[in-house]
Amino acid sequence: MASLHPITIHYHRDFDGMVAGAVLANVLRDVRGDTVKWSSVNYDQRTNWDDFERGRRFAIVDFHFHPRAEYWFDHHPTTFLKPEYRTQYAPSEFWYWDETSPSCPPIILAHAKEHWGFEIPERFEEMARWSNIIDAAEFVDVDQALFGDDAALRISRALAAAPDADWTDTLVEAMIDHSLDEVANRPDVEKSWQRAVRNRDKALRQFPPTVQSTDGSVVLYDASSNKIRRERFAAFFHHAQTFFSVGVIPTRAGFHVTAGRNPWNRPPENVAHIGEVMETYGGGGHRAVGGANAKSLADARRIAGEVAETLRRALAEI
C-alpha cells in the first residue's frame, strides 16, 4: 500500500537524469500508487550527504547512492561516495546499479517491468534510446552532436540556455505523460533552444583562443570567463585528431573542471578512466567523461593542468 506521505525523486540535472526522473515518477504514480514530487540534484549538493533529506521519503536516480533512498537507480561507476556505502548496497526490488549501462532510464524501465509489471510506453522506449546516445556521446559524428535537431537533441541543447535552475523540474513533469516531440515543441523549450543555438555558434567561434596547450593528444583550455560561451564538443570540432579535452568552466556555484574523451577518435579503452581521475578531486563521472568542482579559479586551473598531464602520461605509456 502506498504511503500517505509524498516521495520526492531527486534526479541528476541533465537529459539522462530528467528522463530517469520522469520514468520513475510515472512508475511510482501509476503502478505503485504514490504521490510523487521531483527535484534536481547536482554535485554541489553532496555536502553532508549522510544528512540528505533526513526524515523525508526520497528516491535518487542517475546520481550517487544513498543508503536511506527508498528507491535508487544509477549507472555511474563512481556512485559510492564512501566504502561503507558500497558494502551497504545490494540489488533489490527497490535498488539497482548497472555501471555497464550507457544511461539510467533503461535500468529503471527493465527493473519496473520485471518487478512491478510495468508496461513500457513507446515514448519511454524512445527517451531511453536517446538518453543512451546523449549520455554516452554515441552520436554518429560531431556534426550530429553539435547541429542535430531531433527532438531529444533540441531538448538536451535547450538545457544549456535554461531560464533558471528549476526549469528542469518543469520538463520532467512534461516528460511524465508526453512524447519527446511534444516536449520539444513547447514554447519555452523552443525559446531556450534558439538561444542555445546562438550560444553554440558563438562558442565555436570563441573556442580557439581559450586553448592553453595541445600536444595533439590532449587539449587543455580555459573557458572560465563569463564572456566566453562554452560548447561541450568544441575541442573535438576544432581538434578532430585529439584524444581528450580538459577545460575550466564557470558554474553558478564557482568553477568546474570538465574532461572528456573524443567519441570520434577514441584512445584505447585501458588508457584512463576519467571518472576515477576526477574522483581524486572530489568529482566523478564515467570512463569517457567526468568533472569536479573547484574551490577557486586558481584551484580549477591547477586541477585542469594536473588532469591533462595525467592523461598525457597515460597515453605516453601505451
C-alpha atoms as a PDB file:
ATOM      1  CA  MET A   1       0.000   0.000   0.000  1.00  0.00           C
ATOM      2  CA  ALA A   2       1.354   3.438  -0.901  1.00  0.00           C
ATOM      3  CA  SER A   3       2.423   5.807   1.875  1.00  0.00           C
ATOM      4  CA  LEU A   4       0.261   8.794   2.740  1.00  0.00           C
ATOM      5  CA  HIS A   5       3.387  10.946   2.521  1.00  0.00           C
ATOM      6  CA  PRO A   6       4.642  12.031  -0.914  1.00  0.00           C
ATOM      7  CA  ILE A   7       8.004  10.843  -2.162  1.00  0.00           C
ATOM      8  CA  THR A   8      10.476  13.210  -3.831  1.00  0.00           C
ATOM      9  CA  ILE A   9      12.524  11.879  -6.723  1.00  0.00           C
ATOM     10  CA  HIS A  10      15.949  13.522  -6.924  1.00  0.00           C
ATOM     11  CA  TYR A  11      17.443  13.266 -10.399  1.00  0.00           C
ATOM     12  CA  HIS A  12      20.705  14.463 -11.922  1.00  0.00           C
ATOM     13  CA  ARG A  13      20.185  17.717 -13.825  1.00  0.00           C
ATOM     14  CA  ASP A  14      20.823  16.572 -17.409  1.00  0.00           C
ATOM     15  CA  PHE A  15      18.843  14.846 -20.182  1.00  0.00           C
ATOM     16  CA  ASP A  16      19.614  11.347 -18.910  1.00  0.00           C
ATOM     17  CA  GLY A  17      18.652  12.295 -15.352  1.00  0.00           C
ATOM     18  CA  MET A  18      15.482  14.111 -16.395  1.00  0.00           C
ATOM     19  CA  VAL A  19      14.232  11.112 -18.360  1.00  0.00           C
ATOM     20  CA  ALA A  20      15.114   8.822 -15.440  1.00  0.00           C
ATOM     21  CA  GLY A  21      13.164  11.086 -13.090  1.00  0.00           C
ATOM     22  CA  ALA A  22      10.142  11.159 -15.401  1.00  0.00           C
ATOM     23  CA  VAL A  23      10.159   7.384 -15.879  1.00  0.00           C
ATOM     24  CA  LEU A  24      10.327   6.654 -12.148  1.00  0.00           C
ATOM     25  CA  ALA A  25       7.678   9.289 -11.406  1.00  0.00           C
ATOM     26  CA  ASN A  26       5.340   7.618 -13.906  1.00  0.00           C
ATOM     27  CA  VAL A  27       6.020   4.166 -12.459  1.00  0.00           C
ATOM     28  CA  LEU A  28       5.580   5.194  -8.826  1.00  0.00           C
ATOM     29  CA  ARG A  29       2.426   7.159  -9.596  1.00  0.00           C
ATOM     30  CA  ASP A  30       0.664   4.730 -11.916  1.00  0.00           C
ATOM     31  CA  VAL A  31       1.957   1.360 -10.699  1.00  0.00           C
ATOM     32  CA  ARG A  32       2.961   1.880  -7.075  1.00  0.00           C
ATOM     33  CA  GLY A  33       0.169   4.359  -6.255  1.00  0.00           C
ATOM     34  CA  ASP A  34       2.433   7.009  -4.758  1.00  0.00           C
ATOM     35  CA  THR A  35       2.067  10.757  -4.632  1.00  0.00           C
ATOM     36  CA  VAL A  36       5.234  11.930  -6.347  1.00  0.00           C
ATOM     37  CA  LYS A  37       7.302  15.111  -6.440  1.00  0.00           C
ATOM     38  CA  TRP A  38      10.662  15.691  -8.105  1.00  0.00           C
ATOM     39  CA  SER A  39      13.666  17.945  -7.668  1.00  0.00           C
ATOM     40  CA  SER A  40      17.057  18.014  -9.374  1.00  0.00           C
ATOM     41  CA  VAL A  41      20.323  17.369  -7.577  1.00  0.00           C
ATOM     42  CA  ASN A  42      23.879  18.197  -8.611  1.00  0.00           C
ATOM     43  CA  TYR A  43      27.436  17.634  -7.399  1.00  0.00           C
ATOM     44  CA  ASP A  44      27.471  20.773  -5.234  1.00  0.00           C
ATOM     45  CA  GLN A  45      24.695  19.239  -3.103  1.00  0.00           C
ATOM     46  CA  ARG A  46      26.786  16.335  -1.805  1.00  0.00           C
ATOM     47  CA  THR A  47      27.931  18.240   1.286  1.00  0.00           C
ATOM     48  CA  ASN A  48      26.654  16.410   4.376  1.00  0.00           C
ATOM     49  CA  TRP A  49      25.397  13.607   2.151  1.00  0.00           C
ATOM     50  CA  ASP A  50      24.648  11.477   5.230  1.00  0.00           C
ATOM     51  CA  ASP A  51      22.033  14.028   6.316  1.00  0.00           C
ATOM     52  CA  PHE A  52      20.485  14.487   2.875  1.00  0.00           C
ATOM     53  CA  GLU A  53      16.649  14.597   3.109  1.00  0.00           C
ATOM     54  CA  ARG A  54      16.725  13.197   6.647  1.00  0.00           C
ATOM     55  CA  GLY A  55      13.223  12.450   7.892  1.00  0.00           C
ATOM     56  CA  ARG A  56      11.675  12.544   4.413  1.00  0.00           C
ATOM     57  CA  ARG A  57      10.785   9.955   1.795  1.00  0.00           C
ATOM     58  CA  PHE A  58      13.016  10.222  -1.249  1.00  0.00           C
ATOM     59  CA  ALA A  59      14.319   8.387  -4.290  1.00  0.00           C
ATOM     60  CA  ILE A  60      17.514   9.054  -6.261  1.00  0.00           C
ATOM     61  CA  VAL A  61      18.098   8.345  -9.938  1.00  0.00           C
ATOM     62  CA  ASP A  62      21.203   8.874 -12.067  1.00  0.00           C
ATOM     63  CA  PHE A  63      23.129  10.081  -9.018  1.00  0.00           C
ATOM     64  CA  HIS A  64      25.144   8.908  -6.037  1.00  0.00           C
ATOM     65  CA  PHE A  65      23.985   6.026  -3.878  1.00  0.00           C
ATOM     66  CA  HIS A  66      22.315   6.919  -0.605  1.00  0.00           C
ATOM     67  CA  PRO A  67      21.537   4.207   1.976  1.00  0.00           C
ATOM     68  CA  ARG A  68      18.286   5.921   3.024  1.00  0.00           C
ATOM     69  CA  ALA A  69      16.914   6.240  -0.506  1.00  0.00           C
ATOM     70  CA  GLU A  70      13.632   4.353  -0.777  1.00  0.00           C
ATOM     71  CA  TYR A  71      14.319   3.814  -4.483  1.00  0.00           C
ATOM     72  CA  TRP A  72      17.714   4.184  -6.119  1.00  0.00           C
ATOM     73  CA  PHE A  73      18.901   3.538  -9.669  1.00  0.00           C
ATOM     74  CA  ASP A  74      22.227   4.556 -11.204  1.00  0.00           C
ATOM     75  CA  HIS A  75      24.848   3.635 -13.776  1.00  0.00           C
ATOM     76  CA  HIS A  76      27.854   5.708 -12.688  1.00  0.00           C
ATOM     77  CA  PRO A  77      30.906   3.664 -11.676  1.00  0.00           C
ATOM     78  CA  THR A  78      31.818   6.359  -9.121  1.00  0.00           C
ATOM     79  CA  THR A  79      28.409   6.312  -7.443  1.00  0.00           C
ATOM     80  CA  PHE A  80      29.558   5.252  -3.954  1.00  0.00           C
ATOM     81  CA  LEU A  81      30.953   8.217  -2.036  1.00  0.00           C
ATOM     82  CA  LYS A  82      32.205   6.058   0.852  1.00  0.00           C
ATOM     83  CA  PRO A  83      33.493   2.475   1.033  1.00  0.00           C
ATOM     84  CA  GLU A  84      30.763   1.664   3.555  1.00  0.00           C
ATOM     85  CA  TYR A  85      28.131   2.743   1.048  1.00  0.00           C
ATOM     86  CA  ARG A  86      29.415   0.099  -1.342  1.00  0.00           C
ATOM     87  CA  THR A  87      29.031  -2.565   1.320  1.00  0.00           C
ATOM     88  CA  GLN A  88      25.500  -1.359   2.117  1.00  0.00           C
ATOM     89  CA  TYR A  89      24.355  -1.766  -1.478  1.00  0.00           C
ATOM     90  CA  ALA A  90      22.761  -4.959  -2.701  1.00  0.00           C
ATOM     91  CA  PRO A  91      20.391  -5.246  -5.672  1.00  0.00           C
ATOM     92  CA  SER A  92      16.787  -5.471  -4.554  1.00  0.00           C
ATOM     93  CA  GLU A  93      13.246  -4.684  -5.621  1.00  0.00           C
ATOM     94  CA  PHE A  94      13.983  -1.022  -4.884  1.00  0.00           C
ATOM     95  CA  TRP A  95      17.668  -0.520  -5.715  1.00  0.00           C
ATOM     96  CA  TYR A  96      19.627  -1.367  -8.837  1.00  0.00           C
ATOM     97  CA  TRP A  97      23.019  -0.323 -10.174  1.00  0.00           C
ATOM     98  CA  ASP A  98      24.456  -1.239 -13.567  1.00  0.00           C
ATOM     99  CA  GLU A  99      27.689   0.516 -14.411  1.00  0.00           C
ATOM    100  CA  THR A 100      27.691  -1.089 -17.871  1.00  0.00           C
ATOM    101  CA  SER A 101      24.512   0.741 -18.925  1.00  0.00           C
ATOM    102  CA  PRO A 102      25.066   3.788 -21.164  1.00  0.00           C
ATOM    103  CA  SER A 103      22.394   5.695 -19.226  1.00  0.00           C
ATOM    104  CA  CYS A 104      19.978   5.345 -16.333  1.00  0.00           C
ATOM    105  CA  PRO A 105      16.452   5.164 -17.893  1.00  0.00           C
ATOM    106  CA  PRO A 106      16.887   1.684 -19.445  1.00  0.00           C
ATOM    107  CA  ILE A 107      17.785   0.348 -15.992  1.00  0.00           C
ATOM    108  CA  ILE A 108      14.597   1.699 -14.447  1.00  0.00           C
ATOM    109  CA  LEU A 109      12.402   0.524 -17.319  1.00  0.00           C
ATOM    110  CA  ALA A 110      13.766  -3.038 -17.249  1.00  0.00           C
ATOM    111  CA  HIS A 111      13.536  -3.152 -13.455  1.00  0.00           C
ATOM    112  CA  ALA A 112       9.971  -1.832 -13.346  1.00  0.00           C
ATOM    113  CA  LYS A 113       8.882  -4.318 -15.988  1.00  0.00           C
ATOM    114  CA  GLU A 114      10.457  -7.258 -14.153  1.00  0.00           C
ATOM    115  CA  HIS A 115       9.452  -6.388 -10.586  1.00  0.00           C
ATOM    116  CA  TRP A 116       6.243  -4.386 -10.935  1.00  0.00           C
ATOM    117  CA  GLY A 117       4.789  -5.491 -14.246  1.00  0.00           C
ATOM    118  CA  PHE A 118       5.232  -2.075 -15.824  1.00  0.00           C
ATOM    119  CA  GLU A 119       4.116  -1.933 -19.447  1.00  0.00           C
ATOM    120  CA  ILE A 120       6.662   0.331 -21.127  1.00  0.00           C
ATOM    121  CA  PRO A 121       5.094   3.065 -23.289  1.00  0.00           C
ATOM    122  CA  GLU A 122       6.645   3.660 -26.692  1.00  0.00           C
ATOM    123  CA  ARG A 123       7.547   7.232 -25.719  1.00  0.00           C
ATOM    124  CA  PHE A 124       9.728   5.943 -22.867  1.00  0.00           C
ATOM    125  CA  GLU A 125      11.448   3.474 -25.190  1.00  0.00           C
ATOM    126  CA  GLU A 126      12.352   6.405 -27.435  1.00  0.00           C
ATOM    127  CA  MET A 127      13.525   8.520 -24.499  1.00  0.00           C
ATOM    128  CA  ALA A 128      15.714   5.674 -23.237  1.00  0.00           C
ATOM    129  CA  ARG A 129      17.264   5.185 -26.678  1.00  0.00           C
ATOM    130  CA  TRP A 130      18.156   8.861 -26.893  1.00  0.00           C
ATOM    131  CA  SER A 131      19.402   9.023 -23.321  1.00  0.00           C
ATOM    132  CA  ASN A 132      21.873   6.263 -24.216  1.00  0.00           C
ATOM    133  CA  ILE A 133      23.062   8.229 -27.239  1.00  0.00           C
ATOM    134  CA  ILE A 134      23.333  11.559 -25.435  1.00  0.00           C
ATOM    135  CA  ASP A 135      24.817  10.403 -22.125  1.00  0.00           C
ATOM    136  CA  ALA A 136      27.349   8.054 -23.726  1.00  0.00           C
ATOM    137  CA  ALA A 137      28.082  10.507 -26.565  1.00  0.00           C
ATOM    138  CA  GLU A 138      27.223   7.825 -29.109  1.00  0.00           C
ATOM    139  CA  PHE A 139      26.473  10.388 -31.798  1.00  0.00           C
ATOM    140  CA  VAL A 140      27.091   9.430 -35.403  1.00  0.00           C
ATOM    141  CA  ASP A 141      29.601  12.255 -35.737  1.00  0.00           C
ATOM    142  CA  VAL A 142      30.488  15.646 -34.303  1.00  0.00           C
ATOM    143  CA  ASP A 143      28.026  17.320 -36.669  1.00  0.00           C
ATOM    144  CA  GLN A 144      25.105  15.381 -35.191  1.00  0.00           C
ATOM    145  CA  ALA A 145      26.302  16.227 -31.691  1.00  0.00           C
ATOM    146  CA  LEU A 146      26.559  19.927 -32.479  1.00  0.00           C
ATOM    147  CA  PHE A 147      23.926  20.557 -35.131  1.00  0.00           C
ATOM    148  CA  GLY A 148      21.394  17.703 -34.826  1.00  0.00           C
ATOM    149  CA  ASP A 149      17.789  18.857 -34.488  1.00  0.00           C
ATOM    150  CA  ASP A 150      15.949  15.702 -33.419  1.00  0.00           C
ATOM    151  CA  ALA A 151      13.506  16.383 -30.584  1.00  0.00           C
ATOM    152  CA  ALA A 152      15.780  14.829 -27.941  1.00  0.00           C
ATOM    153  CA  LEU A 153      18.765  16.830 -29.157  1.00  0.00           C
ATOM    154  CA  ARG A 154      16.740  20.048 -29.140  1.00  0.00           C
ATOM    155  CA  ILE A 155      15.669  19.425 -25.538  1.00  0.00           C
ATOM    156  CA  SER A 156      19.186  18.496 -24.487  1.00  0.00           C
ATOM    157  CA  ARG A 157      20.680  21.588 -26.116  1.00  0.00           C
ATOM    158  CA  ALA A 158      17.947  23.807 -24.651  1.00  0.00           C
ATOM    159  CA  LEU A 159      19.209  22.861 -21.180  1.00  0.00           C
ATOM    160  CA  ALA A 160      22.323  24.914 -21.904  1.00  0.00           C
ATOM    161  CA  ALA A 161      20.143  28.032 -22.016  1.00  0.00           C
ATOM    162  CA  ALA A 162      17.714  27.159 -19.234  1.00  0.00           C
ATOM    163  CA  PRO A 163      15.806  30.195 -17.920  1.00  0.00           C
ATOM    164  CA  ASP A 164      16.504  29.125 -14.311  1.00  0.00           C
ATOM    165  CA  ALA A 165      17.860  26.225 -12.270  1.00  0.00           C
ATOM    166  CA  ASP A 166      14.386  24.798 -11.584  1.00  0.00           C
ATOM    167  CA  TRP A 167      13.346  24.649 -15.235  1.00  0.00           C
ATOM    168  CA  THR A 168      14.352  21.001 -15.491  1.00  0.00           C
ATOM    169  CA  ASP A 169      11.629  20.194 -12.936  1.00  0.00           C
ATOM    170  CA  THR A 170       9.097  21.646 -15.381  1.00  0.00           C
ATOM    171  CA  LEU A 171      10.473  19.470 -18.178  1.00  0.00           C
ATOM    172  CA  VAL A 172      10.415  16.333 -16.028  1.00  0.00           C
ATOM    173  CA  GLU A 173       6.728  16.994 -15.370  1.00  0.00           C
ATOM    174  CA  ALA A 174       6.143  17.313 -19.111  1.00  0.00           C
ATOM    175  CA  MET A 175       8.068  14.102 -19.880  1.00  0.00           C
ATOM    176  CA  ILE A 176       5.986  12.007 -17.483  1.00  0.00           C
ATOM    177  CA  ASP A 177       2.989  11.974 -19.828  1.00  0.00           C
ATOM    178  CA  HIS A 178       4.183  13.441 -23.132  1.00  0.00           C
ATOM    179  CA  SER A 179       6.435  12.408 -26.019  1.00  0.00           C
ATOM    180  CA  LEU A 180       9.766  13.956 -26.902  1.00  0.00           C
ATOM    181  CA  ASP A 181       8.186  15.728 -29.867  1.00  0.00           C
ATOM    182  CA  GLU A 182       5.510  17.247 -27.637  1.00  0.00           C
ATOM    183  CA  VAL A 183       8.082  18.414 -25.090  1.00  0.00           C
ATOM    184  CA  ALA A 184      10.414  19.786 -27.774  1.00  0.00           C
ATOM    185  CA  ASN A 185       7.549  21.792 -29.282  1.00  0.00           C
ATOM    186  CA  ARG A 186       6.772  23.617 -26.045  1.00  0.00           C
ATOM    187  CA  PRO A 187       7.289  27.392 -26.461  1.00  0.00           C
ATOM    188  CA  ASP A 188       9.704  27.557 -23.522  1.00  0.00           C
ATOM    189  CA  VAL A 189      11.835  24.743 -24.978  1.00  0.00           C
ATOM    190  CA  GLU A 190      11.819  26.355 -28.436  1.00  0.00           C
ATOM    191  CA  LYS A 191      12.873  29.701 -26.952  1.00  0.00           C
ATOM    192  CA  SER A 192      15.706  28.154 -24.930  1.00  0.00           C
ATOM    193  CA  TRP A 193      16.815  26.031 -27.896  1.00  0.00           C
ATOM    194  CA  GLN A 194      17.015  29.062 -30.193  1.00  0.00           C
ATOM    195  CA  ARG A 195      19.102  30.877 -27.608  1.00  0.00           C
ATOM    196  CA  ALA A 196      21.307  27.814 -27.125  1.00  0.00           C
ATOM    197  CA  VAL A 197      21.903  27.545 -30.875  1.00  0.00           C
ATOM    198  CA  ARG A 198      23.111  31.146 -30.978  1.00  0.00           C
ATOM    199  CA  ASN A 199      25.332  30.413 -27.977  1.00  0.00           C
ATOM    200  CA  ARG A 200      26.681  27.275 -29.690  1.00  0.00           C
ATOM    201  CA  ASP A 201      27.690  29.203 -32.784  1.00  0.00           C
ATOM    202  CA  LYS A 202      29.371  31.862 -30.676  1.00  0.00           C
ATOM    203  CA  ALA A 203      31.124  29.210 -28.574  1.00  0.00           C
ATOM    204  CA  LEU A 204      32.597  27.532 -31.632  1.00  0.00           C
ATOM    205  CA  ARG A 205      33.977  30.896 -32.787  1.00  0.00           C
ATOM    206  CA  GLN A 206      35.372  31.709 -29.342  1.00  0.00           C
ATOM    207  CA  PHE A 207      36.972  28.363 -28.547  1.00  0.00           C
ATOM    208  CA  PRO A 208      40.368  28.565 -30.337  1.00  0.00           C
ATOM    209  CA  PRO A 209      41.781  31.411 -28.181  1.00  0.00           C
ATOM    210  CA  THR A 210      40.875  29.541 -24.965  1.00  0.00           C
ATOM    211  CA  VAL A 211      43.293  26.704 -25.717  1.00  0.00           C
ATOM    212  CA  GLN A 212      46.166  26.770 -23.244  1.00  0.00           C
ATOM    213  CA  SER A 213      48.091  23.838 -24.657  1.00  0.00           C
ATOM    214  CA  THR A 214      47.749  20.926 -27.019  1.00  0.00           C
ATOM    215  CA  ASP A 215      50.217  18.204 -27.896  1.00  0.00           C
ATOM    216  CA  GLY A 216      47.979  16.532 -30.454  1.00  0.00           C
ATOM    217  CA  SER A 217      46.597  14.113 -27.862  1.00  0.00           C
ATOM    218  CA  VAL A 218      45.120  16.299 -25.079  1.00  0.00           C
ATOM    219  CA  VAL A 219      43.642  19.772 -25.468  1.00  0.00           C
ATOM    220  CA  LEU A 220      43.732  21.916 -22.307  1.00  0.00           C
ATOM    221  CA  TYR A 221      41.537  25.012 -22.394  1.00  0.00           C
ATOM    222  CA  ASP A 222      40.392  27.764 -20.058  1.00  0.00           C
ATOM    223  CA  ALA A 223      36.851  28.998 -20.700  1.00  0.00           C
ATOM    224  CA  SER A 224      36.413  30.415 -17.196  1.00  0.00           C
ATOM    225  CA  SER A 225      35.470  33.902 -18.353  1.00  0.00           C
ATOM    226  CA  ASN A 226      31.748  34.660 -18.277  1.00  0.00           C
ATOM    227  CA  LYS A 227      32.249  36.434 -21.596  1.00  0.00           C
ATOM    228  CA  ILE A 228      33.067  33.115 -23.269  1.00  0.00           C
ATOM    229  CA  ARG A 229      30.361  30.755 -24.429  1.00  0.00           C
ATOM    230  CA  ARG A 230      31.047  27.088 -23.870  1.00  0.00           C
ATOM    231  CA  GLU A 231      30.307  24.078 -26.036  1.00  0.00           C
ATOM    232  CA  ARG A 232      30.936  20.505 -24.903  1.00  0.00           C
ATOM    233  CA  PHE A 233      32.340  19.238 -28.208  1.00  0.00           C
ATOM    234  CA  ALA A 234      34.099  22.405 -29.388  1.00  0.00           C
ATOM    235  CA  ALA A 235      37.525  20.896 -28.729  1.00  0.00           C
ATOM    236  CA  PHE A 236      36.784  17.942 -30.994  1.00  0.00           C
ATOM    237  CA  PHE A 237      35.196  20.150 -33.644  1.00  0.00           C
ATOM    238  CA  HIS A 238      38.427  22.183 -33.884  1.00  0.00           C
ATOM    239  CA  HIS A 239      40.886  19.393 -32.990  1.00  0.00           C
ATOM    240  CA  ALA A 240      39.418  16.288 -34.596  1.00  0.00           C
ATOM    241  CA  GLN A 241      42.533  14.142 -34.030  1.00  0.00           C
ATOM    242  CA  THR A 242      42.911  14.787 -30.295  1.00  0.00           C
ATOM    243  CA  PHE A 243      42.002  12.046 -27.806  1.00  0.00           C
ATOM    244  CA  PHE A 244      40.931  14.069 -24.751  1.00  0.00           C
ATOM    245  CA  SER A 245      39.888  17.578 -23.774  1.00  0.00           C
ATOM    246  CA  VAL A 246      40.235  19.131 -20.323  1.00  0.00           C
ATOM    247  CA  GLY A 247      38.783  22.518 -19.503  1.00  0.00           C
ATOM    248  CA  VAL A 248      37.868  25.051 -16.846  1.00  0.00           C
ATOM    249  CA  ILE A 249      34.334  26.445 -16.962  1.00  0.00           C
ATOM    250  CA  PRO A 250      32.270  28.625 -14.608  1.00  0.00           C
ATOM    251  CA  THR A 251      29.142  27.397 -12.822  1.00  0.00           C
ATOM    252  CA  ARG A 252      26.555  29.051 -10.585  1.00  0.00           C
ATOM    253  CA  ALA A 253      28.496  27.702  -7.602  1.00  0.00           C
ATOM    254  CA  GLY A 254      32.002  28.691  -8.764  1.00  0.00           C
ATOM    255  CA  PHE A 255      34.314  26.894 -11.162  1.00  0.00           C
ATOM    256  CA  HIS A 256      34.276  23.400 -12.593  1.00  0.00           C
ATOM    257  CA  VAL A 257      36.858  21.211 -14.303  1.00  0.00           C
ATOM    258  CA  THR A 258      35.480  19.061 -17.082  1.00  0.00           C
ATOM    259  CA  ALA A 259      37.225  16.332 -19.056  1.00  0.00           C
ATOM    260  CA  GLY A 260      36.070  14.156 -21.924  1.00  0.00           C
ATOM    261  CA  ARG A 261      37.217  11.544 -24.389  1.00  0.00           C
ATOM    262  CA  ASN A 262      36.834  12.215 -28.106  1.00  0.00           C
ATOM    263  CA  PRO A 263      33.914   9.978 -29.151  1.00  0.00           C
ATOM    264  CA  TRP A 264      35.087  10.006 -32.779  1.00  0.00           C
ATOM    265  CA  ASN A 265      38.795   9.367 -32.169  1.00  0.00           C
ATOM    266  CA  ARG A 266      38.879   7.165 -29.128  1.00  0.00           C
ATOM    267  CA  PRO A 267      42.096   6.168 -27.363  1.00  0.00           C
ATOM    268  CA  PRO A 268      42.491   2.545 -26.223  1.00  0.00           C
ATOM    269  CA  GLU A 269      39.934   1.692 -23.520  1.00  0.00           C
ATOM    270  CA  ASN A 270      42.593   0.970 -20.891  1.00  0.00           C
ATOM    271  CA  VAL A 271      44.325   4.351 -21.159  1.00  0.00           C
ATOM    272  CA  ALA A 272      42.439   6.177 -18.401  1.00  0.00           C
ATOM    273  CA  HIS A 273      39.145   6.218 -16.544  1.00  0.00           C
ATOM    274  CA  ILE A 274      38.207   9.899 -16.420  1.00  0.00           C
ATOM    275  CA  GLY A 275      35.595   9.414 -13.717  1.00  0.00           C
ATOM    276  CA  GLU A 276      38.165   7.814 -11.430  1.00  0.00           C
ATOM    277  CA  VAL A 277      40.673  10.558 -12.171  1.00  0.00           C
ATOM    278  CA  MET A 278      38.075  13.191 -11.269  1.00  0.00           C
ATOM    279  CA  GLU A 279      37.078  11.301  -8.148  1.00  0.00           C
ATOM    280  CA  THR A 280      40.504  12.083  -6.675  1.00  0.00           C
ATOM    281  CA  TYR A 281      39.492  15.747  -6.871  1.00  0.00           C
ATOM    282  CA  GLY A 282      36.076  15.258  -5.269  1.00  0.00           C
ATOM    283  CA  GLY A 283      34.202  14.769  -8.539  1.00  0.00           C
ATOM    284  CA  GLY A 284      33.270  11.742 -10.609  1.00  0.00           C
ATOM    285  CA  GLY A 285      31.846  10.519 -13.873  1.00  0.00           C
ATOM    286  CA  HIS A 286      32.292   7.702 -16.379  1.00  0.00           C
ATOM    287  CA  ARG A 287      35.292   6.256 -18.182  1.00  0.00           C
ATOM    288  CA  ALA A 288      34.730   8.692 -21.043  1.00  0.00           C
ATOM    289  CA  VAL A 289      33.632  11.877 -19.270  1.00  0.00           C
ATOM    290  CA  GLY A 290      33.767  13.427 -15.831  1.00  0.00           C
ATOM    291  CA  GLY A 291      34.129  16.570 -13.819  1.00  0.00           C
ATOM    292  CA  ALA A 292      34.950  18.111 -10.467  1.00  0.00           C
ATOM    293  CA  ASN A 293      34.108  21.373  -8.743  1.00  0.00           C
ATOM    294  CA  ALA A 294      36.943  23.586  -7.512  1.00  0.00           C
ATOM    295  CA  LYS A 295      37.291  25.949  -4.544  1.00  0.00           C
ATOM    296  CA  SER A 296      38.543  28.818  -6.696  1.00  0.00           C
ATOM    297  CA  LEU A 297      39.591  29.701 -10.220  1.00  0.00           C
ATOM    298  CA  ALA A 298      43.223  29.127  -9.317  1.00  0.00           C
ATOM    299  CA  ASP A 299      42.347  25.715  -7.921  1.00  0.00           C
ATOM    300  CA  ALA A 300      40.346  24.857 -11.045  1.00  0.00           C
ATOM    301  CA  ARG A 301      43.272  25.788 -13.273  1.00  0.00           C
ATOM    302  CA  ARG A 302      45.628  23.699 -11.141  1.00  0.00           C
ATOM    303  CA  ILE A 303      43.332  20.672 -11.265  1.00  0.00           C
ATOM    304  CA  ALA A 304      42.793  21.003 -15.015  1.00  0.00           C
ATOM    305  CA  GLY A 305      46.531  21.150 -15.614  1.00  0.00           C
ATOM    306  CA  GLU A 306      47.103  18.083 -13.449  1.00  0.00           C
ATOM    307  CA  VAL A 307      44.327  16.118 -15.131  1.00  0.00           C
ATOM    308  CA  ALA A 308      45.677  16.998 -18.588  1.00  0.00           C
ATOM    309  CA  GLU A 309      49.140  15.886 -17.527  1.00  0.00           C
ATOM    310  CA  THR A 310      47.747  12.641 -16.077  1.00  0.00           C
ATOM    311  CA  LEU A 311      46.046  11.847 -19.375  1.00  0.00           C
ATOM    312  CA  ARG A 312      49.159  12.715 -21.395  1.00  0.00           C
ATOM    313  CA  ARG A 313      51.287  10.427 -19.247  1.00  0.00           C
ATOM    314  CA  ALA A 314      48.753   7.622 -19.600  1.00  0.00           C
ATOM    315  CA  LEU A 315      48.812   7.983 -23.385  1.00  0.00           C
ATOM    316  CA  ALA A 316      52.610   8.051 -23.448  1.00  0.00           C
ATOM    317  CA  GLU A 317      52.749   4.727 -21.554  1.00  0.00           C
ATOM    318  CA  ILE A 318      50.739   2.715 -24.091  1.00  0.00           C
END
